[in-house]
Protein backbone atom coordinates (compact mmCIF):
# COMPACT_ATOMS: atom_id res chain seq x y z
CA UNK A 1 0.00 0.00 0.00
CA UNK A 2 1.20 3.48 -0.86
CA UNK A 3 0.98 6.57 1.32
CA UNK A 4 -1.15 9.35 -0.16
CA UNK A 5 -0.74 12.97 0.90
CA UNK A 6 -2.49 16.09 -0.30
CA UNK A 7 -0.24 18.60 -2.03
CA UNK A 8 1.13 21.48 0.05
CA UNK A 9 2.98 24.54 -1.19
CA UNK A 10 6.18 23.42 0.55
CA UNK A 11 6.30 20.49 -1.90
CA UNK A 12 6.40 22.69 -5.02
CA UNK A 13 10.08 22.20 -5.88
CA UNK A 14 9.95 18.47 -5.19
CA UNK A 15 6.74 18.09 -7.20
CA UNK A 16 8.11 19.96 -10.21
CA UNK A 17 11.40 18.06 -10.16
CA UNK A 18 9.49 14.78 -10.17
CA UNK A 19 7.18 15.81 -13.02
CA UNK A 20 9.92 17.13 -15.30
CA UNK A 21 12.89 14.91 -14.46
CA UNK A 22 11.63 11.65 -12.98
CA UNK A 23 8.30 10.80 -14.63
CA UNK A 24 7.41 9.03 -17.86
CA UNK A 25 4.44 11.25 -18.75
CA UNK A 26 4.87 14.59 -17.02
CA UNK A 27 5.13 17.91 -18.84
CA UNK A 28 5.30 21.52 -17.73
CA UNK A 29 1.47 21.52 -17.84
CA UNK A 30 1.44 19.42 -14.65
CA UNK A 31 4.05 21.47 -12.79
CA UNK A 32 3.06 23.80 -9.99
CA UNK A 33 4.97 26.56 -11.76
CA UNK A 34 2.34 26.37 -14.51
CA UNK A 35 -0.76 25.41 -12.49
CA UNK A 36 -0.19 28.15 -9.95
CA UNK A 37 -0.84 30.86 -12.53
CA UNK A 38 -4.51 30.31 -11.68
CA UNK A 39 -5.59 32.80 -9.02
CA UNK A 40 -6.23 31.41 -5.56
CA UNK A 41 -9.84 30.37 -5.22
CA UNK A 42 -10.49 29.54 -8.88
CA UNK A 43 -10.25 25.83 -8.08
CA UNK A 44 -10.49 23.70 -4.97
CA UNK A 45 -7.10 22.04 -5.24
CA UNK A 46 -7.06 18.34 -4.34
CA UNK A 47 -3.74 17.38 -5.89
CA UNK A 48 -2.16 14.22 -4.49
CA UNK A 49 1.33 12.84 -3.92
CA UNK A 50 1.95 9.06 -3.65
CA UNK A 51 4.91 7.80 -1.62
CA UNK A 52 6.35 4.31 -1.18
CA UNK A 53 7.66 2.94 2.11
CA UNK A 54 10.99 4.65 1.52
CA UNK A 55 9.21 7.99 1.29
CA UNK A 56 10.10 8.33 -2.38
CA UNK A 57 7.54 9.87 -4.72
CA UNK A 58 5.95 7.19 -6.89
CA UNK A 59 3.31 9.34 -8.61
CA UNK A 60 1.52 12.68 -8.44
CA UNK A 61 -1.93 13.72 -9.61
CA UNK A 62 -2.74 17.39 -10.22
CA UNK A 63 -6.44 17.63 -9.43
CA UNK A 64 -9.31 19.81 -8.32
CA UNK A 65 -12.66 19.18 -6.69
CA UNK A 66 -15.86 20.06 -8.50
CA UNK A 67 -19.42 18.87 -8.94
CA UNK A 68 -20.22 17.08 -12.19
CA UNK A 69 -23.79 15.85 -12.71
CA UNK A 70 -24.39 16.70 -9.02
CA UNK A 71 -21.60 14.34 -7.98
CA UNK A 72 -18.57 15.29 -5.93
CA UNK A 73 -15.88 14.80 -8.56
CA UNK A 74 -12.12 14.40 -8.46
CA UNK A 75 -11.00 16.01 -11.75
CA UNK A 76 -7.44 15.89 -13.07
CA UNK A 77 -7.23 18.77 -13.98
CA UNK A 78 -9.57 21.63 -15.00
CA UNK A 79 -6.72 24.13 -15.10
CA UNK A 80 -4.63 22.25 -17.65
CA UNK A 81 -5.07 20.68 -21.07
CA UNK A 82 -3.84 17.41 -19.57
CA UNK A 83 -3.68 16.23 -15.99
CA UNK A 84 -3.77 12.54 -15.27
CA UNK A 85 -1.73 10.22 -13.12
CA UNK A 86 1.93 11.21 -13.52
CA UNK A 87 4.08 8.14 -12.80
CA UNK A 88 7.79 7.89 -11.92
CA UNK A 89 9.89 6.03 -14.47
CA UNK A 90 11.27 3.74 -11.74
CA UNK A 91 7.74 2.73 -10.73
CA UNK A 92 6.15 2.10 -14.10
CA UNK A 93 5.39 -1.57 -13.55
CA UNK A 94 2.43 -3.81 -12.77
CA UNK A 95 2.93 -3.70 -9.00
CA UNK A 96 3.02 0.07 -8.65
CA UNK A 97 0.59 1.13 -11.37
CA UNK A 98 -2.01 -1.28 -10.01
CA UNK A 99 -1.43 -0.04 -6.47
CA UNK A 100 -1.71 3.62 -7.51
CA UNK A 101 -5.16 3.12 -9.01
CA UNK A 102 -6.39 0.85 -6.21
CA UNK A 103 -5.16 3.16 -3.43
CA UNK A 104 -6.42 6.26 -5.25
CA UNK A 105 -9.94 4.86 -5.44
CA UNK A 106 -9.93 3.84 -1.78
CA UNK A 107 -8.70 7.30 -0.79
CA UNK A 108 -11.33 9.09 -2.87
CA UNK A 109 -14.15 7.04 -1.39
CA UNK A 110 -12.90 7.89 2.10
CA UNK A 111 -12.92 11.57 1.09
CA UNK A 112 -16.53 11.39 -0.08
CA UNK A 113 -15.94 11.57 -3.83
CA UNK A 114 -18.40 9.70 -6.00
CA UNK A 115 -16.85 10.35 -9.43
CA UNK A 116 -13.36 10.59 -10.88
CA UNK A 117 -12.29 12.09 -14.23
CA UNK A 118 -8.72 11.66 -15.49
CA UNK A 119 -7.45 13.43 -18.63
CA UNK A 120 -4.37 11.49 -19.68
CA UNK A 121 -1.37 13.19 -21.22
CA UNK A 122 -1.44 12.59 -24.98
CA UNK A 123 1.12 10.08 -26.24
CA UNK A 124 3.28 12.49 -28.25
CA UNK A 125 3.97 14.55 -25.12
CA UNK A 126 5.07 11.56 -23.00
CA UNK A 127 8.64 10.39 -22.54
CA UNK A 128 7.41 6.78 -22.73
CA UNK A 129 4.18 5.03 -23.66
CA UNK A 130 1.46 4.68 -21.02
CA UNK A 131 -0.37 1.56 -22.19
CA UNK A 132 0.01 -0.14 -18.80
CA UNK A 133 -1.75 2.77 -17.10
CA UNK A 134 -4.55 2.66 -19.67
CA UNK A 135 -4.91 -1.09 -19.19
CA UNK A 136 -5.36 -0.83 -15.43
CA UNK A 137 -7.93 1.93 -15.84
CA UNK A 138 -9.80 -0.31 -18.28
CA UNK A 139 -9.39 -3.30 -15.94
CA UNK A 140 -10.99 -1.39 -13.09
CA UNK A 141 -14.05 -0.50 -15.17
CA UNK A 142 -13.20 3.06 -16.08
CA UNK A 143 -15.05 4.27 -19.14
CA UNK A 144 -13.41 6.63 -21.59
CA UNK A 145 -14.16 9.07 -24.34
CA UNK A 146 -11.93 10.02 -27.25
CA UNK A 147 -11.08 13.38 -28.75
CA UNK A 148 -9.54 13.64 -32.22
CA UNK A 149 -6.25 15.50 -32.33
CA UNK A 150 -3.98 16.48 -35.21
CA UNK A 151 -0.20 16.58 -35.43
CA UNK A 152 2.68 16.53 -37.90
CA UNK A 153 5.30 13.79 -37.61
CA UNK A 154 8.43 15.39 -39.04
CA UNK A 155 10.05 11.98 -39.52
CA UNK A 156 7.50 11.46 -42.28
CA UNK A 157 7.74 14.99 -43.69
CA UNK A 158 9.58 15.79 -46.91
CA UNK A 159 12.35 18.40 -46.81
CA UNK A 160 10.41 20.52 -49.28
CA UNK A 161 7.85 21.77 -46.74
CA UNK A 162 5.34 23.00 -49.29
CA UNK A 163 5.18 19.60 -51.01
CA UNK A 164 3.64 18.11 -47.84
CA UNK A 165 0.59 20.37 -48.10
CA UNK A 166 -2.64 19.57 -49.90
CA UNK A 167 -3.19 21.18 -53.30
CA UNK A 168 -5.60 23.74 -51.83
CA UNK A 169 -3.20 24.64 -49.03
CA UNK A 170 -0.31 25.07 -51.48
CA UNK A 171 -2.54 27.41 -53.48
CA UNK A 172 -3.60 29.41 -50.39
CA UNK A 173 -0.01 29.76 -49.21
CA UNK A 174 1.07 31.01 -52.64
CA UNK A 175 -1.73 33.60 -52.51
CA UNK A 176 -0.49 34.73 -49.09
CA UNK A 177 2.96 35.47 -50.54
CA UNK A 178 1.43 38.09 -52.83
CA UNK A 179 0.39 40.28 -49.89
CA UNK A 180 3.78 41.36 -48.56
CA UNK A 181 3.24 39.60 -45.22
CA UNK A 182 5.94 39.25 -42.57
CA UNK A 183 6.17 37.12 -39.43
CA UNK A 184 8.08 37.86 -36.26
CA UNK A 185 8.22 36.73 -32.66
CA UNK A 186 6.27 38.86 -30.20
CA UNK A 187 8.24 39.92 -27.15
CA UNK A 188 6.89 43.20 -25.78
CA UNK A 189 3.77 43.72 -23.71
CA UNK A 190 2.35 45.96 -26.46
CA UNK A 191 2.82 43.19 -29.03
CA UNK A 192 1.10 40.66 -26.77
CA UNK A 193 -1.79 43.08 -26.30
CA UNK A 194 -2.17 43.37 -30.08
CA UNK A 195 -2.21 39.59 -30.40
CA UNK A 196 -4.79 39.30 -27.63
CA UNK A 197 -7.05 41.83 -29.37
CA UNK A 198 -7.00 39.66 -32.51
CA UNK A 199 -7.71 36.58 -30.41
CA UNK A 200 -10.75 38.23 -28.84
CA UNK A 201 -12.05 39.38 -32.23
CA UNK A 202 -11.53 35.90 -33.66
CA UNK A 203 -13.39 34.13 -30.85
CA UNK A 204 -16.18 36.69 -30.71
CA UNK A 205 -17.69 35.36 -33.94
CA UNK A 206 -18.16 32.03 -32.12
CA UNK A 207 -19.59 33.78 -29.04
CA UNK A 208 -16.53 32.65 -27.06
CA UNK A 209 -13.80 34.34 -25.04
CA UNK A 210 -10.16 33.27 -24.55
CA UNK A 211 -9.53 30.71 -21.82
CA UNK A 212 -6.75 32.91 -20.47
CA UNK A 213 -6.84 36.61 -19.71
CA UNK A 214 -4.21 38.94 -21.18
CA UNK A 215 -2.67 39.30 -17.71
CA UNK A 216 -2.39 35.51 -17.42
CA UNK A 217 -0.68 35.22 -20.80
CA UNK A 218 1.82 37.91 -19.87
CA UNK A 219 2.39 36.23 -16.50
CA UNK A 220 3.04 32.89 -18.19
CA UNK A 221 5.49 34.42 -20.65
CA UNK A 222 7.36 36.76 -18.32
CA UNK A 223 7.30 35.04 -14.92
CA UNK A 224 6.51 31.35 -15.28
CA UNK A 225 7.39 29.79 -18.60
CA UNK A 226 9.81 32.03 -20.46
CA UNK A 227 10.81 30.42 -23.76
CA UNK A 228 8.32 27.57 -23.24
CA UNK A 229 5.55 30.01 -24.24
CA UNK A 230 6.25 31.72 -27.56
CA UNK A 231 4.15 34.25 -29.46
CA UNK A 232 4.28 35.02 -33.16
CA UNK A 233 2.54 37.68 -35.22
CA UNK A 234 1.85 38.12 -38.92
CA UNK A 235 2.08 41.72 -40.10
CA UNK A 236 0.86 43.57 -43.15
CA UNK A 237 3.10 46.61 -43.13
CA UNK A 238 2.83 47.77 -39.48
CA UNK A 239 -0.47 46.10 -38.60
CA UNK A 240 -0.67 42.69 -36.97
CA UNK A 241 -3.38 40.67 -38.72
CA UNK A 242 -2.80 37.16 -37.31
CA UNK A 243 -0.92 35.50 -34.50
CA UNK A 244 -0.26 32.41 -32.45
CA UNK A 245 0.71 31.31 -28.98
CA UNK A 246 2.89 28.21 -29.14
CA UNK A 247 4.12 25.91 -26.37
CA UNK A 248 7.55 24.30 -26.65
CA UNK A 249 7.55 20.86 -25.02
CA UNK A 250 11.23 20.08 -24.37
CA UNK A 251 12.22 20.89 -27.97
CA UNK A 252 10.31 17.76 -28.95
CA UNK A 253 6.77 19.02 -29.64
CA UNK A 254 5.81 22.44 -30.99
CA UNK A 255 2.16 22.91 -29.97
CA UNK A 256 -0.15 25.67 -31.21
CA UNK A 257 -2.16 26.68 -28.16
CA UNK A 258 -3.87 29.61 -29.90
CA UNK A 259 -4.22 30.49 -33.58
CA UNK A 260 -6.14 33.61 -34.55
CA UNK A 261 -6.53 36.04 -37.45
CA UNK A 262 -8.42 39.25 -38.04
CA UNK A 263 -11.51 38.29 -40.13
CA UNK A 264 -11.15 41.47 -42.20
CA UNK A 265 -7.97 40.07 -43.79
CA UNK A 266 -9.03 36.51 -44.62
CA UNK A 267 -8.56 37.15 -48.35
CA UNK A 268 -4.85 37.63 -47.65
CA UNK A 269 -4.54 34.10 -46.18
CA UNK A 270 -2.52 35.21 -43.13
CA UNK A 271 -3.30 31.98 -41.24
CA UNK A 272 -1.81 29.82 -43.97
CA UNK A 273 1.24 32.09 -44.05
CA UNK A 274 1.54 31.86 -40.27
CA UNK A 275 1.23 28.09 -40.01
CA UNK A 276 3.61 27.30 -42.86
CA UNK A 277 6.23 29.53 -41.26
CA UNK A 278 5.71 27.88 -37.87
CA UNK A 279 6.09 24.47 -39.52
CA UNK A 280 9.33 25.61 -41.19
CA UNK A 281 10.64 26.87 -37.85
CA UNK A 282 9.82 23.63 -36.02
CA UNK A 283 11.28 21.52 -38.83
CA UNK A 284 14.51 23.54 -38.95
CA UNK A 285 14.85 23.30 -35.14
CA UNK A 286 14.57 19.48 -35.31
CA UNK A 287 11.33 19.12 -33.37
CA UNK A 288 9.86 15.63 -33.65
CA UNK A 289 6.27 16.78 -33.85
CA UNK A 290 4.09 19.81 -34.38
CA UNK A 291 0.75 19.59 -32.61
CA UNK A 292 -2.44 21.42 -33.56
CA UNK A 293 -4.61 20.05 -30.75
CA UNK A 294 -8.15 18.70 -30.92
CA UNK A 295 -10.94 19.56 -33.33
CA UNK A 296 -13.74 18.04 -31.28
CA UNK A 297 -16.26 19.27 -28.72
CA UNK A 298 -18.86 17.73 -26.41
CA UNK A 299 -16.46 15.07 -25.08
CA UNK A 300 -15.46 14.07 -28.60
CA UNK A 301 -19.00 13.58 -29.91
CA UNK A 302 -18.92 16.64 -32.18
CA UNK A 303 -16.26 16.95 -34.87
CA UNK A 304 -15.63 20.42 -36.24
CA UNK A 305 -15.15 19.18 -39.78
CA UNK A 306 -14.15 22.56 -41.23
CA UNK A 307 -11.38 22.98 -38.66
CA UNK A 308 -10.35 19.33 -39.03
CA UNK A 309 -10.05 19.60 -42.82
CA UNK A 310 -8.06 22.84 -42.40
CA UNK A 311 -5.52 21.00 -40.23
CA UNK A 312 -5.46 17.99 -42.55
CA UNK A 313 -4.29 20.26 -45.34
CA UNK A 314 -0.91 20.75 -43.67
CA UNK A 315 -0.08 17.05 -43.81
CA UNK A 316 -1.29 16.13 -40.35
CA UNK A 317 -1.66 12.68 -38.86
CA UNK A 318 -4.40 11.75 -36.38
CA UNK A 319 -4.15 10.99 -32.67
CA UNK A 320 -6.64 10.13 -29.96
CA UNK A 321 -6.66 11.95 -26.62
CA UNK A 322 -8.30 9.80 -23.96
CA UNK A 323 -10.22 10.88 -20.89
CA UNK A 324 -11.15 8.20 -18.34
CA UNK A 325 -14.03 8.48 -15.89
CA UNK A 326 -15.84 6.35 -13.33
CA UNK A 327 -18.49 6.51 -10.63
CA UNK A 328 -16.91 5.27 -7.40
CA UNK A 329 -19.80 4.68 -5.03
CA UNK A 330 -18.38 1.31 -4.04
CA UNK A 331 -14.89 -0.17 -3.80
CA UNK A 332 -13.69 -3.11 -5.85
CA UNK A 333 -10.61 -5.13 -5.08
CA UNK A 334 -7.94 -6.07 -7.58
CA UNK A 335 -7.79 -9.76 -8.35
CA UNK A 336 -4.11 -10.07 -7.52
CA UNK A 337 -4.42 -8.50 -4.02
């Protein structure tokens, strides 16, 4: 049996070291440095640390408490694209993975939770595969839903970047070159504000607002993440007409967190110009993958086909992001215990 403790602020350095340096599936998204950008009180934090008898960290789970379908729910994690059970590389085996899930469920029942939701880290962001973790979740009757994600595998990409695009995307990119567009990295607060204005305009047509506030984006860039969070803008003369926020996952995955363009300039194809230049950058810097994220909503049930076809045009492959969930009104024992 493992010892489970709730996260305390004094564990921040130890937690982050484990996630980044000692786990098979941890990324900066599960570090406290990232998660703590959320203002105090936004979430009820219920993050957990698992120790073995030698008081060594075996696993951590960034998590918050919420009510889902009127059930007290342990959710990993609302404040991050991925949460999940982050497992130490030295403990990724049948004995420890089984114990983590068994002990977690027992702990949650004791704490009065009746539902658990776990958003696993997508495969391309992991240092190793996590099939054993998925098997034990399946074995213990967790259900799951799938979201369709898109990414470029540069090992399968031709050196001539444009040749990897669909015919329509090659045409759109060529049109963009006729408009005297330029791309540059955004570094100043004023430049980030201009990008954020475009993001708000872009989302307004869908009656949505950005997940992050401008202050949070600046905080992430300046104080928390530095070069992990990069911003790029497309300019027509002196006016920014499109932009992107990109996350750098250990120089392995280049992930577009936000992509936005001013609708008034769609005929100039600034988004195609932006994405092709980001692809060229990632390819030249020897990234393994470029990720464009999901194109689904409603727990994967709705596919935004227009957005999906747009991403397909850049030579993307398909990936499945899994979220596991379970009602835990009663405890079940593992067969090997």
